[in-house]
Amino acid sequence: MEVYVRLIASSETFSPDEIFNRLGVRGDNYWCTGELRRGTLLREKDNGLAFNSTAAKDSDLDSHIRSFADLLAGSELKFGEFSRIPGCAVHISCSIYFRDVPPLSFDSDLVGWMEAIGASLDIDLYPLSNAGA
């Protein structure tokens, strides 16, 4: 199993620098509306910044999301306020490549943390072939 997770703060109106100023935390990646999305022909529809999970690729999804809780400890209120501004959003984007069904359960404290920062959760599942395994 390989798991890739990013926490994204985006805005239709605030620039990446303004998002940083509101959140007080620097992301790993930044983009502006209209820029080409890296490795694609798609253009960004908003401004934003993203944080990459620090958990190992073979860690379960719970561990990846906990890495964000650790990284952003003390900033929950700012993220929650940001997520309630019209045109702004916080979401956690997950891509899971798996051979066996991955665990997709979360402890209530982690669900509460996601609620506190106003995050939506998007999980994309990609089954891998067992041929040759």
N, C-alpha and C. Protein backbone atom coordinates (compact mmCIF):
# COMPACT_ATOMS: atom_id res chain seq x y z
N MET A 1 0.85 -1.18 0.00
CA MET A 1 0.00 0.00 0.00
C MET A 1 0.89 1.24 0.00
N GLU A 2 0.51 2.21 -0.81
CA GLU A 2 1.16 3.52 -0.80
C GLU A 2 0.10 4.58 -0.58
N VAL A 3 0.37 5.49 0.34
CA VAL A 3 -0.60 6.52 0.71
C VAL A 3 0.06 7.89 0.55
N TYR A 4 -0.62 8.77 -0.17
CA TYR A 4 -0.15 10.14 -0.38
C TYR A 4 -1.23 11.08 0.13
N VAL A 5 -0.86 11.98 1.04
CA VAL A 5 -1.86 12.85 1.66
C VAL A 5 -1.33 14.28 1.71
N ARG A 6 -2.21 15.22 1.34
CA ARG A 6 -1.90 16.65 1.43
C ARG A 6 -3.04 17.36 2.14
N LEU A 7 -2.69 18.36 2.93
CA LEU A 7 -3.68 19.25 3.52
C LEU A 7 -3.58 20.55 2.74
N ILE A 8 -4.70 21.02 2.22
CA ILE A 8 -4.71 22.16 1.32
C ILE A 8 -5.58 23.27 1.90
N ALA A 9 -5.06 24.50 1.87
CA ALA A 9 -5.83 25.69 2.21
C ALA A 9 -5.93 26.50 0.92
N SER A 10 -7.15 26.77 0.47
CA SER A 10 -7.31 27.46 -0.81
C SER A 10 -8.28 28.62 -0.68
N SER A 11 -8.17 29.55 -1.63
CA SER A 11 -9.01 30.74 -1.61
C SER A 11 -9.24 31.23 -3.03
N GLU A 12 -10.46 31.68 -3.28
CA GLU A 12 -10.78 32.29 -4.57
C GLU A 12 -10.24 33.71 -4.65
N THR A 13 -9.98 34.34 -3.50
CA THR A 13 -9.59 35.76 -3.51
C THR A 13 -8.23 36.06 -2.88
N PHE A 14 -7.86 35.35 -1.81
CA PHE A 14 -6.59 35.63 -1.14
C PHE A 14 -5.43 35.00 -1.90
N SER A 15 -4.33 35.73 -2.01
CA SER A 15 -3.11 35.19 -2.63
C SER A 15 -2.47 34.17 -1.69
N PRO A 16 -1.53 33.36 -2.19
CA PRO A 16 -0.83 32.44 -1.29
C PRO A 16 -0.18 33.15 -0.10
N ASP A 17 0.39 34.34 -0.33
CA ASP A 17 0.99 35.08 0.78
C ASP A 17 -0.06 35.52 1.80
N GLU A 18 -1.23 35.94 1.32
CA GLU A 18 -2.30 36.33 2.24
C GLU A 18 -2.82 35.12 3.02
N ILE A 19 -2.88 33.97 2.37
CA ILE A 19 -3.29 32.75 3.07
C ILE A 19 -2.29 32.45 4.18
N PHE A 20 -1.00 32.51 3.84
CA PHE A 20 0.05 32.29 4.85
C PHE A 20 -0.11 33.27 6.01
N ASN A 21 -0.32 34.55 5.71
CA ASN A 21 -0.46 35.56 6.76
C ASN A 21 -1.64 35.26 7.68
N ARG A 22 -2.72 34.72 7.14
CA ARG A 22 -3.89 34.39 7.95
C ARG A 22 -3.66 33.14 8.79
N LEU A 23 -2.92 32.17 8.24
CA LEU A 23 -2.73 30.89 8.93
C LEU A 23 -1.48 30.87 9.81
N GLY A 24 -0.46 31.65 9.43
CA GLY A 24 0.77 31.70 10.20
C GLY A 24 1.67 30.49 10.05
N VAL A 25 1.40 29.66 9.04
CA VAL A 25 2.19 28.46 8.80
C VAL A 25 2.50 28.38 7.31
N ARG A 26 3.78 28.15 6.99
CA ARG A 26 4.19 28.02 5.58
C ARG A 26 3.91 26.62 5.07
N GLY A 27 3.35 26.55 3.88
CA GLY A 27 3.09 25.26 3.25
C GLY A 27 4.31 24.76 2.49
N ASP A 28 4.20 23.54 1.98
CA ASP A 28 5.27 22.95 1.18
C ASP A 28 5.20 23.39 -0.27
N ASN A 29 3.98 23.68 -0.76
CA ASN A 29 3.76 24.10 -2.14
C ASN A 29 2.78 25.26 -2.17
N TYR A 30 2.93 26.14 -3.17
CA TYR A 30 2.04 27.28 -3.35
C TYR A 30 1.63 27.35 -4.81
N TRP A 31 0.46 27.92 -5.08
CA TRP A 31 0.04 28.15 -6.46
C TRP A 31 -0.94 29.30 -6.51
N CYS A 32 -1.10 29.84 -7.72
CA CYS A 32 -2.03 30.94 -7.97
C CYS A 32 -3.04 30.52 -9.03
N THR A 33 -4.19 31.16 -9.01
CA THR A 33 -5.23 30.91 -9.99
C THR A 33 -4.65 31.04 -11.40
N GLY A 34 -4.97 30.08 -12.25
CA GLY A 34 -4.53 30.12 -13.64
C GLY A 34 -3.22 29.42 -13.93
N GLU A 35 -2.43 29.12 -12.89
CA GLU A 35 -1.16 28.42 -13.12
C GLU A 35 -1.44 26.99 -13.55
N LEU A 36 -0.53 26.44 -14.36
CA LEU A 36 -0.64 25.03 -14.73
C LEU A 36 -0.33 24.16 -13.52
N ARG A 37 -1.19 23.17 -13.31
CA ARG A 37 -0.94 22.21 -12.23
C ARG A 37 0.23 21.33 -12.65
N ARG A 38 1.20 21.17 -11.77
CA ARG A 38 2.43 20.44 -12.08
C ARG A 38 2.12 19.06 -12.66
N GLY A 39 2.73 18.76 -13.80
CA GLY A 39 2.60 17.44 -14.42
C GLY A 39 1.30 17.22 -15.17
N THR A 40 0.50 18.29 -15.36
CA THR A 40 -0.78 18.13 -16.06
C THR A 40 -0.98 19.30 -17.02
N LEU A 41 -2.09 19.26 -17.74
CA LEU A 41 -2.50 20.38 -18.58
C LEU A 41 -3.62 21.18 -17.91
N LEU A 42 -3.92 20.84 -16.66
CA LEU A 42 -4.98 21.51 -15.91
C LEU A 42 -4.48 22.82 -15.31
N ARG A 43 -5.37 23.79 -15.25
CA ARG A 43 -5.04 25.08 -14.63
C ARG A 43 -5.72 25.16 -13.26
N GLU A 44 -5.02 25.79 -12.33
CA GLU A 44 -5.56 25.96 -10.98
C GLU A 44 -6.78 26.88 -11.02
N LYS A 45 -7.80 26.54 -10.24
CA LYS A 45 -9.03 27.33 -10.19
C LYS A 45 -9.05 28.30 -9.02
N ASP A 46 -8.04 28.20 -8.16
CA ASP A 46 -7.98 29.07 -6.99
C ASP A 46 -6.52 29.25 -6.57
N ASN A 47 -6.30 30.08 -5.57
CA ASN A 47 -4.97 30.24 -4.98
C ASN A 47 -4.87 29.29 -3.81
N GLY A 48 -3.67 28.85 -3.50
CA GLY A 48 -3.59 27.95 -2.35
C GLY A 48 -2.20 27.61 -1.91
N LEU A 49 -2.17 26.89 -0.81
CA LEU A 49 -0.93 26.31 -0.32
C LEU A 49 -1.25 24.93 0.21
N ALA A 50 -0.25 24.05 0.13
CA ALA A 50 -0.45 22.66 0.54
C ALA A 50 0.66 22.22 1.48
N PHE A 51 0.29 21.35 2.39
CA PHE A 51 1.22 20.72 3.31
C PHE A 51 1.26 19.24 2.97
N ASN A 52 2.43 18.68 2.80
CA ASN A 52 2.57 17.26 2.52
C ASN A 52 2.71 16.49 3.82
N SER A 53 2.10 15.33 3.88
CA SER A 53 2.22 14.48 5.06
C SER A 53 3.67 14.09 5.29
N THR A 54 4.05 14.00 6.54
CA THR A 54 5.41 13.58 6.88
C THR A 54 5.47 12.09 7.23
N ALA A 55 4.32 11.42 7.21
CA ALA A 55 4.30 9.98 7.52
C ALA A 55 4.86 9.19 6.33
N ALA A 56 5.39 8.03 6.59
CA ALA A 56 5.92 7.16 5.54
C ALA A 56 4.80 6.74 4.59
N LYS A 57 5.15 6.54 3.30
CA LYS A 57 4.16 6.18 2.29
C LYS A 57 3.38 4.91 2.63
N ASP A 58 3.99 4.00 3.37
CA ASP A 58 3.30 2.75 3.70
C ASP A 58 2.53 2.82 5.02
N SER A 59 2.45 4.02 5.61
CA SER A 59 1.67 4.20 6.85
C SER A 59 0.18 4.24 6.53
N ASP A 60 -0.64 3.93 7.53
CA ASP A 60 -2.09 4.00 7.30
C ASP A 60 -2.54 5.45 7.26
N LEU A 61 -3.75 5.66 6.76
CA LEU A 61 -4.28 7.01 6.58
C LEU A 61 -4.36 7.77 7.90
N ASP A 62 -4.73 7.10 8.96
CA ASP A 62 -4.80 7.71 10.28
C ASP A 62 -3.47 8.37 10.65
N SER A 63 -2.35 7.68 10.40
CA SER A 63 -1.02 8.21 10.72
C SER A 63 -0.70 9.45 9.90
N HIS A 64 -1.11 9.46 8.64
CA HIS A 64 -0.86 10.62 7.79
C HIS A 64 -1.61 11.84 8.32
N ILE A 65 -2.87 11.66 8.66
CA ILE A 65 -3.65 12.79 9.15
C ILE A 65 -3.13 13.25 10.51
N ARG A 66 -2.70 12.33 11.34
CA ARG A 66 -2.10 12.72 12.63
C ARG A 66 -0.82 13.54 12.42
N SER A 67 -0.10 13.28 11.33
CA SER A 67 1.11 14.08 11.07
C SER A 67 0.75 15.55 10.87
N PHE A 68 -0.42 15.81 10.27
CA PHE A 68 -0.87 17.20 10.11
C PHE A 68 -1.28 17.79 11.46
N ALA A 69 -1.95 17.00 12.28
CA ALA A 69 -2.35 17.48 13.60
C ALA A 69 -1.13 17.88 14.41
N ASP A 70 -0.06 17.10 14.31
CA ASP A 70 1.19 17.44 15.01
C ASP A 70 1.82 18.69 14.42
N LEU A 71 1.88 18.77 13.09
CA LEU A 71 2.50 19.90 12.40
C LEU A 71 1.78 21.22 12.70
N LEU A 72 0.46 21.16 12.75
CA LEU A 72 -0.34 22.38 12.88
C LEU A 72 -0.84 22.63 14.30
N ALA A 73 -0.30 21.89 15.27
CA ALA A 73 -0.72 22.06 16.66
C ALA A 73 -0.61 23.52 17.07
N GLY A 74 -1.68 24.06 17.63
CA GLY A 74 -1.71 25.45 18.04
C GLY A 74 -2.29 26.38 16.98
N SER A 75 -2.47 25.88 15.76
CA SER A 75 -3.00 26.70 14.66
C SER A 75 -4.43 26.34 14.30
N GLU A 76 -5.05 25.45 15.06
CA GLU A 76 -6.38 24.97 14.71
C GLU A 76 -7.40 26.10 14.59
N LEU A 77 -7.37 27.06 15.52
CA LEU A 77 -8.33 28.16 15.50
C LEU A 77 -8.19 28.97 14.22
N LYS A 78 -6.95 29.28 13.81
CA LYS A 78 -6.74 30.06 12.59
C LYS A 78 -7.25 29.31 11.36
N PHE A 79 -7.00 28.00 11.30
CA PHE A 79 -7.49 27.21 10.17
C PHE A 79 -9.01 27.15 10.17
N GLY A 80 -9.61 26.97 11.35
CA GLY A 80 -11.07 26.93 11.45
C GLY A 80 -11.69 28.25 11.01
N GLU A 81 -11.11 29.37 11.44
CA GLU A 81 -11.62 30.68 11.02
C GLU A 81 -11.46 30.87 9.52
N PHE A 82 -10.31 30.47 8.98
CA PHE A 82 -10.06 30.60 7.54
C PHE A 82 -11.09 29.80 6.75
N SER A 83 -11.38 28.58 7.20
CA SER A 83 -12.30 27.71 6.45
C SER A 83 -13.73 28.26 6.41
N ARG A 84 -14.07 29.16 7.33
CA ARG A 84 -15.41 29.73 7.37
C ARG A 84 -15.54 31.02 6.56
N ILE A 85 -14.45 31.52 6.00
CA ILE A 85 -14.50 32.72 5.15
C ILE A 85 -15.08 32.31 3.80
N PRO A 86 -16.09 33.02 3.29
CA PRO A 86 -16.64 32.68 1.98
C PRO A 86 -15.54 32.65 0.91
N GLY A 87 -15.54 31.61 0.10
CA GLY A 87 -14.54 31.46 -0.96
C GLY A 87 -13.25 30.81 -0.51
N CYS A 88 -13.16 30.45 0.77
CA CYS A 88 -11.96 29.78 1.30
C CYS A 88 -12.32 28.36 1.72
N ALA A 89 -11.33 27.48 1.69
CA ALA A 89 -11.57 26.09 2.07
C ALA A 89 -10.30 25.45 2.62
N VAL A 90 -10.50 24.47 3.48
CA VAL A 90 -9.42 23.62 3.97
C VAL A 90 -9.86 22.20 3.67
N HIS A 91 -9.02 21.45 3.01
CA HIS A 91 -9.37 20.05 2.80
C HIS A 91 -8.15 19.15 2.82
N ILE A 92 -8.43 17.90 3.12
CA ILE A 92 -7.39 16.88 3.16
C ILE A 92 -7.64 15.96 1.97
N SER A 93 -6.64 15.86 1.11
CA SER A 93 -6.73 15.07 -0.11
C SER A 93 -5.85 13.83 0.03
N CYS A 94 -6.47 12.66 -0.15
CA CYS A 94 -5.76 11.39 0.06
C CYS A 94 -5.86 10.52 -1.20
N SER A 95 -4.75 9.94 -1.59
CA SER A 95 -4.71 8.95 -2.66
C SER A 95 -4.08 7.69 -2.09
N ILE A 96 -4.82 6.58 -2.18
CA ILE A 96 -4.35 5.32 -1.62
C ILE A 96 -4.28 4.28 -2.73
N TYR A 97 -3.08 3.75 -2.95
CA TYR A 97 -2.85 2.68 -3.91
C TYR A 97 -2.69 1.40 -3.10
N PHE A 98 -3.54 0.39 -3.38
CA PHE A 98 -3.56 -0.78 -2.50
C PHE A 98 -3.79 -2.08 -3.24
N ARG A 99 -3.33 -3.15 -2.63
CA ARG A 99 -3.63 -4.52 -3.08
C ARG A 99 -4.72 -5.12 -2.17
N ASP A 100 -4.62 -4.87 -0.88
CA ASP A 100 -5.62 -5.34 0.08
C ASP A 100 -6.39 -4.12 0.59
N VAL A 101 -7.64 -4.31 0.93
CA VAL A 101 -8.49 -3.20 1.36
C VAL A 101 -7.82 -2.45 2.51
N PRO A 102 -7.61 -1.13 2.34
CA PRO A 102 -6.93 -0.35 3.39
C PRO A 102 -7.89 0.01 4.53
N PRO A 103 -7.36 0.18 5.75
CA PRO A 103 -8.20 0.62 6.86
C PRO A 103 -8.59 2.08 6.66
N LEU A 104 -9.87 2.37 6.85
CA LEU A 104 -10.37 3.74 6.67
C LEU A 104 -11.18 4.18 7.88
N SER A 105 -10.69 3.93 9.06
CA SER A 105 -11.39 4.36 10.27
C SER A 105 -10.54 5.39 11.00
N PHE A 106 -11.24 6.28 11.74
CA PHE A 106 -10.56 7.36 12.46
C PHE A 106 -11.09 7.42 13.88
N ASP A 107 -10.19 7.67 14.83
CA ASP A 107 -10.60 7.87 16.22
C ASP A 107 -11.38 9.18 16.32
N SER A 108 -12.24 9.28 17.32
CA SER A 108 -13.07 10.47 17.48
C SER A 108 -12.24 11.73 17.69
N ASP A 109 -11.06 11.61 18.33
CA ASP A 109 -10.23 12.80 18.53
C ASP A 109 -9.72 13.33 17.20
N LEU A 110 -9.43 12.45 16.27
CA LEU A 110 -8.95 12.89 14.95
C LEU A 110 -10.09 13.51 14.14
N VAL A 111 -11.28 12.94 14.25
CA VAL A 111 -12.45 13.52 13.58
C VAL A 111 -12.72 14.90 14.17
N GLY A 112 -12.61 15.04 15.49
CA GLY A 112 -12.79 16.34 16.13
C GLY A 112 -11.76 17.36 15.67
N TRP A 113 -10.51 16.91 15.47
CA TRP A 113 -9.46 17.81 14.99
C TRP A 113 -9.79 18.29 13.58
N MET A 114 -10.24 17.38 12.70
CA MET A 114 -10.60 17.77 11.34
C MET A 114 -11.75 18.77 11.36
N GLU A 115 -12.70 18.56 12.27
CA GLU A 115 -13.81 19.50 12.41
C GLU A 115 -13.30 20.86 12.89
N ALA A 116 -12.38 20.86 13.84
CA ALA A 116 -11.86 22.12 14.40
C ALA A 116 -11.19 22.98 13.34
N ILE A 117 -10.51 22.35 12.38
CA ILE A 117 -9.85 23.14 11.33
C ILE A 117 -10.77 23.36 10.13
N GLY A 118 -11.99 22.83 10.19
CA GLY A 118 -12.96 23.03 9.12
C GLY A 118 -12.62 22.28 7.85
N ALA A 119 -11.97 21.13 7.98
CA ALA A 119 -11.49 20.41 6.80
C ALA A 119 -12.51 19.44 6.25
N SER A 120 -12.60 19.42 4.92
CA SER A 120 -13.30 18.33 4.25
C SER A 120 -12.27 17.24 3.98
N LEU A 121 -12.75 16.05 3.68
CA LEU A 121 -11.85 14.91 3.48
C LEU A 121 -12.20 14.23 2.16
N ASP A 122 -11.22 14.11 1.28
CA ASP A 122 -11.40 13.46 -0.02
C ASP A 122 -10.45 12.27 -0.08
N ILE A 123 -11.01 11.07 -0.25
CA ILE A 123 -10.19 9.86 -0.31
C ILE A 123 -10.40 9.19 -1.67
N ASP A 124 -9.34 9.08 -2.44
CA ASP A 124 -9.37 8.38 -3.72
C ASP A 124 -8.66 7.05 -3.54
N LEU A 125 -9.34 5.97 -3.94
CA LEU A 125 -8.80 4.62 -3.81
C LEU A 125 -8.44 4.07 -5.18
N TYR A 126 -7.24 3.52 -5.29
CA TYR A 126 -6.74 2.96 -6.54
C TYR A 126 -6.26 1.54 -6.31
N PRO A 127 -7.08 0.53 -6.68
CA PRO A 127 -6.64 -0.85 -6.50
C PRO A 127 -5.51 -1.20 -7.46
N LEU A 128 -4.53 -1.93 -6.95
CA LEU A 128 -3.41 -2.39 -7.77
C LEU A 128 -3.62 -3.85 -8.11
N SER A 129 -3.16 -4.25 -9.25
CA SER A 129 -3.27 -5.64 -9.68
C SER A 129 -2.44 -6.54 -8.78
N ASN A 130 -2.94 -7.72 -8.50
CA ASN A 130 -2.19 -8.70 -7.72
C ASN A 130 -1.35 -9.60 -8.62
N ALA A 131 -1.40 -9.38 -9.93
CA ALA A 131 -0.64 -10.20 -10.86
C ALA A 131 0.85 -10.06 -10.57
N GLY A 132 1.51 -11.17 -10.44
CA GLY A 132 2.95 -11.16 -10.21
C GLY A 132 3.34 -10.86 -8.78
N ALA A 133 2.35 -10.72 -7.90
CA ALA A 133 2.66 -10.40 -6.50
C ALA A 133 2.92 -11.65 -5.70
